[in-house]
């Protein structure tokens, strides 16, 4: 995968990775919370196999991407950075996929870039915290319940809360990542956190912590605040992938999105979790291409 630095319109720098099929249809991938752009051979190969050009980046404050000035951002601010990256790479139409905290960013592309975003998918994606008919933290592991309670207290309290766990995040290894996540991982996810995938996920956490808590803090604040758009506005095809064995982003989030994103194609599984769902990436990409009306490679 190729590493790039792309300048934003307000003087910041964005850390970008490209990979997959260089001549393929563009796929913009939004990572979870916390995360950063770290090469992933599995994602790269699956993008190649699907005939897709993979583009991903570290959101502001993660990795080497410059933090934004305050006040804290909304999800739609990340859309602005996505547009900057796509434009810099000469990309017009694209498809997008967001995992976990990246899900709202993919939905923002679908809602606000209907002429460019051909289709979008969320993989264990977060639903809006202000949805009146969703108990946002119900079913989450105690670690996430505690974290979102800190988010609700505001930036200073949330930043202090995250600082307590930063050293562990900055040093986590693939061998220790399941233990570090505690009750956020169910048995099916623990089984999936092995080998090359566990090493990659740990690397994304370590790199995300390069600038301290700032990226993680602003990510959580953006997720818990109004997103800046309504999912009911979405007019492009969307698929929702979610598992019931998910203690990070509970099943009810996926069910809510499936019921509230117009025309959403729901893939809701009883036996999948937050991590294990990534093993279905080839299916997710094939489904995303079908939604976008793209042909499979020969």
Foldseek 3Di string as FASTA:
>chain_A
DDWDWFAAPVGWIWIKDKAAAPPAAEEEEAEAFPFFDDDDPVVRPLSNQQRYIYMYTHPDLFQRTPHDDDDFDALVVVVSVVVRVCVVVVAFAHEYEYAALGQVNNLSCQQPVVVRHLEYEYQLYAAALPDPPDPRQPLADPVVVVLVVQLVVDLVSNLVVVQVCLVCLLPDALVCPVVVCPPQADPQQVVLSDDSVSRNRSVRSNRRCPNHCRSNSSSSNNRHDDRPDFLLSGDHEYEYHAECRGNHRHLVRSVVSCVRRPPYHYHYYDPDYSRRSVVCVSVVSVVRCVSSVHDGDD
